């Protein structure tokens, strides 16, 4: 097997990234969706708003880290327009 040297983890910043990603890409859109629906918003508005946060998070990751995290695109694609 080929051993590739990896950069060492940078402490706390490396350990909190998965939690921040889960909060931004999973928990926030779900909370936003149910909040809009509870406030009487349409399902289409709730689905659109729930998909915006992971889309922005994914774009920010592409521009800052030059890579795509899998959670954001999966969450955006989890809201197809035919759900309702």
Foldseek 3Di string as FASTA:
>chain_A
DDDDDDDDDPPPVNVCVVVVCCCQLPVVLVVQLVVCVVVPHDNVVSLVVSLPRLVVVQVVCCVPVVDGDPRSVVSNVVRDPVDD
